[in-house]
Amino acid sequence: MAAVAVHAAPVHRNGAELEAISDAVDTVNILKDGPSFDTESHFDADKDKSAFRQYEDACDRVKSFYAEQHAKQTVAHNVAARERFYSPTRQRAEMSIWEAMEKLNTLIDDSDPDTELSQIHHLLQSAEAIRRDGKPRWMQLTGLIHDLGKLMLFFDDCCEGQWDVVGDTFPVGCRFDERCIYPDTFAANPDSRHDVYSTRYGIYAPGCGMDKLMMSWGHDEYLYHVVKDQSMLPREALAMIRFHSFYPWHKEGAYREFMADGDEVLLNAVKAFNPYDLYSKSDDVPNVEELKPYYLELIDEFFPQKVIKW
C-alpha cells in the first residue's frame, strides 16, 4: 500500500468550538437511532430520545463539518497520521488516566453558551450509567475513558483540525459506503476516484477482519492506539473505544463484508456501549470528588503501570 503523505502543521482549535461540533454530530446520531436503539441498556428506558437538542439547529454545522471531513480523510492522510503517532522522534506526554481527564477538562470554555457540561462530567455520566446497569467493571472504565482521545488536540503532530478529531468514522482504502452520513460529500475526496481505493474491497480482502481496517483518523482511533498496549482491557472494550463512532457499521449495517469469525462479538459490544455514550448526557451532573476514589481504584485495576504514554 503506497501513499504519498503530506505533513501539514497541526491546527489546534478552541475546545468549546470542538465540543459544539461534537455535540452537533451526536445530535444527528441520536435522531438516526430512534427509541429502539437501547435494547441492551436499562438506564435510559424512560427517556424521550427525540428531545435531545434540535436537529435543525445543528444541521448546517454538521453538513459543513462532514463535507470537510469526507474530503480530507484520505489514505495518504491516515498513513501520515499513524507515521507521526509512532514516530520515535515524537515526544509523548506522560500522565495518569485521571490526570488526562483533568487535562481534557481544560478544553471547555465556561463562557460558551452551547457548553453545558465539562468533559469530565460527560465521562463520569457514561461510566455511572454503565455502573447503575450492573455492567462489568471493565465496561465502566471504558465509559470513563472513551473520549480521552480528544487529548490529541493538545499534542503536536496528532491532528490537523476538528475534522480529524470527532465525527462518524469509516474505513479508508476502499469504496465509501452509501450508508455513511452525507455520502455525496465523498465526491470531493480524491480516493473516491482512485483505481484501487474506489473499489468495493479496495486494499482489503472480504472476511479479513475488522482489526485489519484502517479507520479514519480521529479521537476513537487515537485512543485505541494509546491503550491497546498499555492496559489490561479486554478485546470488547478496545472495540468499544475504536468503533463507537463507526455508525455505518454498528448502526447501518455497512462494511459487514470485512467481518471475520469473532467480529460479531465485537459488534454486539459496540452496540451495547453506544447508548451510554449518547443518552447519558441528560443525567444529573455527577459529583467528581465523591466518585473519584471509586474510579481511581478502577483505573489502577486495568492500568497497573499508572503512567500512560499519550
Protein backbone atom coordinates (compact mmCIF):
# COMPACT_ATOMS: atom_id res chain seq x y z
CA MET A 1 0.00 0.00 0.00
CA ALA A 2 1.93 3.01 -1.24
CA ALA A 3 0.75 6.51 -0.49
CA VAL A 4 2.27 9.95 -0.61
CA ALA A 5 1.71 11.74 2.70
CA VAL A 6 1.75 15.49 3.06
CA HIS A 7 2.71 16.55 6.56
CA ALA A 8 0.75 19.66 7.37
CA ALA A 9 1.19 21.61 10.56
CA PRO A 10 -1.50 20.89 13.17
CA VAL A 11 -4.27 23.45 13.56
CA HIS A 12 -5.47 23.36 17.15
CA ARG A 13 -8.97 24.68 17.64
CA ASN A 14 -10.85 26.17 20.55
CA GLY A 15 -12.13 23.44 22.85
CA ALA A 16 -15.62 24.87 23.13
CA GLU A 17 -15.86 25.07 19.34
CA LEU A 18 -14.78 21.45 19.08
CA GLU A 19 -17.34 20.38 21.67
CA ALA A 20 -20.08 22.24 19.82
CA ILE A 21 -19.22 20.26 16.68
CA SER A 22 -19.04 17.02 18.67
CA ASP A 23 -22.44 17.67 20.29
CA ALA A 24 -23.98 18.54 16.92
CA VAL A 25 -22.67 15.28 15.47
CA ASP A 26 -24.13 13.39 18.44
CA THR A 27 -27.47 15.06 17.76
CA VAL A 28 -27.59 13.54 14.29
CA ASN A 29 -26.72 10.11 15.66
CA ILE A 30 -29.34 10.31 18.41
CA LEU A 31 -32.06 11.14 15.91
CA LYS A 32 -30.93 8.42 13.50
CA ASP A 33 -31.02 5.79 16.22
CA GLY A 34 -34.58 6.21 17.44
CA PRO A 35 -36.22 4.70 20.53
CA SER A 36 -35.37 1.06 19.67
CA PHE A 37 -31.60 1.55 19.79
CA ASP A 38 -31.19 0.97 23.55
CA THR A 39 -32.17 -2.70 23.64
CA GLU A 40 -29.05 -3.56 25.63
CA SER A 41 -29.46 -0.87 28.31
CA HIS A 42 -31.96 -0.01 31.06
CA PHE A 43 -30.90 3.36 32.46
CA ASP A 44 -32.46 5.22 29.52
CA ALA A 45 -35.71 3.27 29.27
CA ASP A 46 -37.87 6.24 30.35
CA LYS A 47 -36.02 8.89 28.36
CA ASP A 48 -37.62 10.73 25.46
CA LYS A 49 -34.75 10.48 22.99
CA SER A 50 -36.44 12.77 20.48
CA ALA A 51 -35.93 15.63 22.96
CA PHE A 52 -32.14 15.57 22.77
CA ARG A 53 -31.30 19.03 21.33
CA GLN A 54 -32.72 20.07 17.99
CA TYR A 55 -31.58 18.56 14.72
CA GLU A 56 -32.38 21.63 12.60
CA ASP A 57 -30.25 23.90 14.78
CA ALA A 58 -27.22 21.70 14.21
CA CYS A 59 -27.86 20.63 10.62
CA ASP A 60 -25.86 23.28 8.71
CA ARG A 61 -22.92 22.98 11.09
CA VAL A 62 -22.91 19.20 10.78
CA LYS A 63 -23.11 19.29 6.98
CA SER A 64 -20.17 21.69 6.77
CA PHE A 65 -18.17 19.57 9.18
CA TYR A 66 -18.75 16.34 7.27
CA ALA A 67 -18.06 17.98 3.92
CA GLU A 68 -14.58 18.85 5.18
CA GLN A 69 -14.03 15.50 6.92
CA HIS A 70 -15.11 13.45 3.91
CA ALA A 71 -12.92 15.46 1.55
CA LYS A 72 -9.76 15.19 3.66
CA GLN A 73 -9.83 11.69 5.21
CA THR A 74 -7.68 10.04 2.56
CA VAL A 75 -5.38 7.03 2.71
CA ALA A 76 -2.41 9.40 2.44
CA HIS A 77 -3.62 11.43 5.43
CA ASN A 78 -4.19 8.31 7.51
CA VAL A 79 -0.82 6.79 6.69
CA ALA A 80 0.84 10.09 7.64
CA ALA A 81 -1.15 10.35 10.89
CA ARG A 82 -0.01 6.90 12.01
CA GLU A 83 3.58 7.57 10.99
CA ARG A 84 3.56 10.72 13.12
CA PHE A 85 1.90 8.93 16.05
CA TYR A 86 4.50 6.16 16.12
CA SER A 87 7.46 8.31 15.15
CA PRO A 88 10.40 7.70 17.53
CA THR A 89 11.06 11.43 17.50
CA ARG A 90 7.60 12.33 18.81
CA GLN A 91 7.71 13.47 22.40
CA ARG A 92 4.84 11.56 24.02
CA ALA A 93 3.29 13.23 27.03
CA GLU A 94 3.16 11.00 30.11
CA MET A 95 0.33 11.23 32.63
CA SER A 96 -2.14 9.06 34.51
CA ILE A 97 -5.68 8.44 33.29
CA TRP A 98 -7.13 10.80 35.89
CA GLU A 99 -4.59 13.49 35.00
CA ALA A 100 -5.58 13.03 31.36
CA MET A 101 -9.24 13.53 32.29
CA GLU A 102 -8.39 16.73 34.12
CA LYS A 103 -6.31 17.98 31.19
CA LEU A 104 -9.12 17.23 28.76
CA ASN A 105 -11.40 19.24 31.01
CA THR A 106 -9.47 22.38 30.10
CA LEU A 107 -10.83 22.19 26.56
CA ILE A 108 -14.13 23.56 27.82
CA ASP A 109 -14.76 27.30 27.81
CA ASP A 110 -17.18 28.02 30.67
CA SER A 111 -18.34 31.21 28.96
CA ASP A 112 -19.56 29.33 25.91
CA PRO A 113 -23.39 29.22 25.95
CA ASP A 114 -23.54 25.97 23.98
CA THR A 115 -21.48 24.04 26.52
CA GLU A 116 -23.43 22.78 29.50
CA LEU A 117 -21.11 20.16 30.97
CA SER A 118 -17.39 19.62 31.12
CA GLN A 119 -15.64 16.65 29.55
CA ILE A 120 -15.05 15.02 32.92
CA HIS A 121 -18.77 15.22 33.71
CA HIS A 122 -19.71 13.51 30.44
CA LEU A 123 -17.16 10.75 31.06
CA LEU A 124 -18.48 10.18 34.57
CA GLN A 125 -22.08 10.23 33.34
CA SER A 126 -21.29 7.45 30.84
CA ALA A 127 -19.42 5.40 33.43
CA GLU A 128 -22.08 5.85 36.11
CA ALA A 129 -24.88 4.83 33.75
CA ILE A 130 -22.97 1.64 32.92
CA ARG A 131 -22.34 1.06 36.62
CA ARG A 132 -26.02 1.53 37.52
CA ASP A 133 -26.98 -1.09 34.96
CA GLY A 134 -24.65 -3.56 36.65
CA LYS A 135 -22.30 -3.96 33.70
CA PRO A 136 -18.75 -5.31 34.34
CA ARG A 137 -16.03 -3.12 35.80
CA TRP A 138 -14.01 -3.06 32.57
CA MET A 139 -17.03 -1.62 30.75
CA GLN A 140 -17.46 1.05 33.44
CA LEU A 141 -13.84 2.06 32.88
CA THR A 142 -14.40 2.09 29.11
CA GLY A 143 -17.20 4.58 29.63
CA LEU A 144 -14.88 6.68 31.78
CA ILE A 145 -12.09 6.92 29.20
CA HIS A 146 -13.80 6.56 25.83
CA ASP A 147 -13.40 10.23 24.80
CA LEU A 148 -9.85 10.76 26.10
CA GLY A 149 -8.60 10.59 22.52
CA LYS A 150 -9.60 14.23 22.23
CA LEU A 151 -6.36 14.90 24.07
CA MET A 152 -4.77 14.75 20.62
CA LEU A 153 -5.71 18.43 20.37
CA PHE A 154 -3.00 19.20 22.92
CA PHE A 155 -0.20 17.36 21.17
CA ASP A 156 1.79 18.39 18.11
CA ASP A 157 1.51 16.18 15.04
CA CYS A 158 -1.61 14.32 16.21
CA CYS A 159 -4.35 16.21 14.36
CA GLU A 160 -4.89 18.97 11.83
CA GLY A 161 -8.35 20.22 12.78
CA GLN A 162 -11.76 19.25 14.09
CA TRP A 163 -12.36 17.11 11.01
CA ASP A 164 -9.81 14.50 12.15
CA VAL A 165 -10.83 14.52 15.82
CA VAL A 166 -14.61 13.97 16.01
CA GLY A 167 -17.44 12.73 13.80
CA ASP A 168 -18.60 9.39 12.44
CA THR A 169 -15.73 7.13 11.39
CA PHE A 170 -15.30 4.83 8.38
CA PRO A 171 -12.56 2.77 6.71
CA VAL A 172 -10.27 4.38 4.16
CA GLY A 173 -8.71 2.44 1.30
CA CYS A 174 -11.98 1.03 -0.01
CA ARG A 175 -15.19 2.42 -1.53
CA PHE A 176 -17.02 4.88 0.72
CA ASP A 177 -20.32 3.22 1.55
CA GLU A 178 -23.62 4.93 0.74
CA ARG A 179 -24.75 4.26 4.31
CA CYS A 180 -22.23 6.75 5.68
CA ILE A 181 -23.74 10.07 6.71
CA TYR A 182 -23.93 12.58 3.81
CA PRO A 183 -22.36 10.13 1.32
CA ASP A 184 -22.46 12.58 -1.60
CA THR A 185 -19.75 14.69 0.05
CA PHE A 186 -17.18 11.91 -0.51
CA ALA A 187 -17.06 13.04 -4.15
CA ALA A 188 -14.55 15.70 -3.08
CA ASN A 189 -12.19 13.04 -1.71
CA PRO A 190 -9.53 12.09 -4.30
CA ASP A 191 -9.62 8.47 -3.09
CA SER A 192 -13.15 8.19 -4.48
CA ARG A 193 -11.56 8.28 -7.96
CA HIS A 194 -8.54 6.09 -7.17
CA ASP A 195 -8.16 2.89 -9.20
CA VAL A 196 -7.93 0.71 -6.06
CA TYR A 197 -9.32 2.77 -3.17
CA SER A 198 -12.61 3.35 -5.01
CA THR A 199 -13.37 -0.36 -5.42
CA ARG A 200 -15.62 -2.29 -3.05
CA TYR A 201 -12.84 -4.13 -1.23
CA GLY A 202 -10.00 -1.74 -2.07
CA ILE A 203 -6.77 -2.69 -0.27
CA TYR A 204 -8.57 -5.33 1.84
CA ALA A 205 -9.99 -8.81 1.31
CA PRO A 206 -13.52 -9.93 2.17
CA GLY A 207 -13.59 -11.50 5.63
CA CYS A 208 -10.21 -10.02 6.54
CA GLY A 209 -11.44 -8.94 10.00
CA MET A 210 -12.32 -5.55 11.42
CA ASP A 211 -8.90 -5.21 13.06
CA LYS A 212 -7.33 -5.11 9.57
CA LEU A 213 -9.22 -1.98 8.50
CA MET A 214 -7.55 1.42 8.54
CA MET A 215 -10.21 3.52 10.23
CA SER A 216 -10.43 7.25 9.57
CA TRP A 217 -8.16 9.11 11.99
CA GLY A 218 -9.90 10.68 14.98
CA HIS A 219 -10.20 10.54 18.75
CA ASP A 220 -11.52 6.95 18.66
CA GLU A 221 -8.60 5.62 16.63
CA TYR A 222 -6.05 7.68 18.54
CA LEU A 223 -7.18 6.39 21.95
CA TYR A 224 -7.32 2.83 20.65
CA HIS A 225 -3.66 3.03 19.66
CA VAL A 226 -2.78 4.59 23.03
CA VAL A 227 -4.41 1.97 25.27
CA LYS A 228 -4.25 -1.29 23.32
CA ASP A 229 -0.68 -1.98 24.51
CA GLN A 230 -0.87 -0.13 27.83
CA SER A 231 -3.94 -1.59 29.52
CA MET A 232 -5.48 -4.86 30.60
CA LEU A 233 -8.80 -4.04 28.96
CA PRO A 234 -10.42 -6.94 27.08
CA ARG A 235 -10.89 -7.05 23.31
CA GLU A 236 -14.52 -5.99 23.66
CA ALA A 237 -13.51 -2.79 25.47
CA LEU A 238 -10.95 -1.95 22.78
CA ALA A 239 -13.67 -2.40 20.16
CA MET A 240 -15.99 -0.06 22.09
CA ILE A 241 -13.25 2.58 22.10
CA ARG A 242 -12.22 2.13 18.48
CA PHE A 243 -15.63 1.72 16.87
CA HIS A 244 -18.08 3.74 18.99
CA SER A 245 -18.29 6.38 16.22
CA PHE A 246 -18.39 3.80 13.40
CA TYR A 247 -22.13 4.26 12.83
CA PRO A 248 -22.10 2.93 9.26
CA TRP A 249 -21.07 -0.45 10.72
CA HIS A 250 -22.80 -0.79 14.06
CA LYS A 251 -25.99 1.06 13.16
CA GLU A 252 -26.46 0.96 9.38
CA GLY A 253 -25.07 -2.50 8.61
CA ALA A 254 -22.33 -1.33 6.23
CA TYR A 255 -18.88 -2.91 5.81
CA ARG A 256 -20.08 -6.26 7.16
CA GLU A 257 -18.29 -7.98 4.26
CA PHE A 258 -15.00 -7.41 6.09
CA MET A 259 -16.07 -9.19 9.29
CA ALA A 260 -14.24 -12.36 10.30
CA ASP A 261 -15.02 -15.04 12.87
CA GLY A 262 -15.28 -13.39 16.28
CA ASP A 263 -16.17 -9.94 14.98
CA GLU A 264 -19.86 -10.45 15.77
CA VAL A 265 -18.92 -10.37 19.46
CA LEU A 266 -17.20 -7.01 18.92
CA LEU A 267 -20.19 -5.65 17.01
CA ASN A 268 -22.54 -6.61 19.82
CA ALA A 269 -20.20 -5.00 22.35
CA VAL A 270 -20.16 -1.70 20.47
CA LYS A 271 -23.95 -1.76 20.14
CA ALA A 272 -24.29 -2.39 23.87
CA PHE A 273 -21.96 0.51 24.69
CA ASN A 274 -23.40 3.16 22.38
CA PRO A 275 -26.49 4.21 24.42
CA TYR A 276 -24.29 5.00 27.42
CA ASP A 277 -22.36 7.47 25.29
CA LEU A 278 -25.35 9.15 23.66
CA TYR A 279 -28.12 9.13 26.22
CA SER A 280 -26.26 9.64 29.49
CA LYS A 281 -25.72 13.34 28.69
CA SER A 282 -29.11 14.25 30.15
CA ASP A 283 -28.36 12.64 33.52
CA ASP A 284 -27.69 14.65 36.67
CA VAL A 285 -24.29 16.29 36.97
CA PRO A 286 -22.04 13.84 38.86
CA ASN A 287 -20.07 14.82 41.96
CA VAL A 288 -16.48 14.43 40.79
CA GLU A 289 -14.82 14.35 44.21
CA GLU A 290 -17.33 11.84 45.56
CA LEU A 291 -16.79 9.45 42.67
CA LYS A 292 -13.05 9.92 42.30
CA PRO A 293 -11.90 7.25 44.85
CA TYR A 294 -14.03 4.54 43.19
CA TYR A 295 -12.73 5.32 39.72
CA LEU A 296 -9.12 5.70 40.80
CA GLU A 297 -9.31 2.13 42.10
CA LEU A 298 -10.93 1.03 38.84
CA ILE A 299 -8.23 2.74 36.79
CA ASP A 300 -5.46 1.03 38.79
CA GLU A 301 -7.08 -2.36 38.16
CA PHE A 302 -6.77 -2.07 34.39
CA PHE A 303 -3.81 0.33 34.09
CA PRO A 304 -1.37 -1.16 36.62
CA GLN A 305 1.61 0.82 35.29
CA LYS A 306 -0.18 4.06 36.38
CA VAL A 307 1.55 6.42 33.90
CA ILE A 308 0.43 6.29 30.27
CA LYS A 309 2.36 7.44 27.23
CA TRP A 310 0.00 9.55 25.15
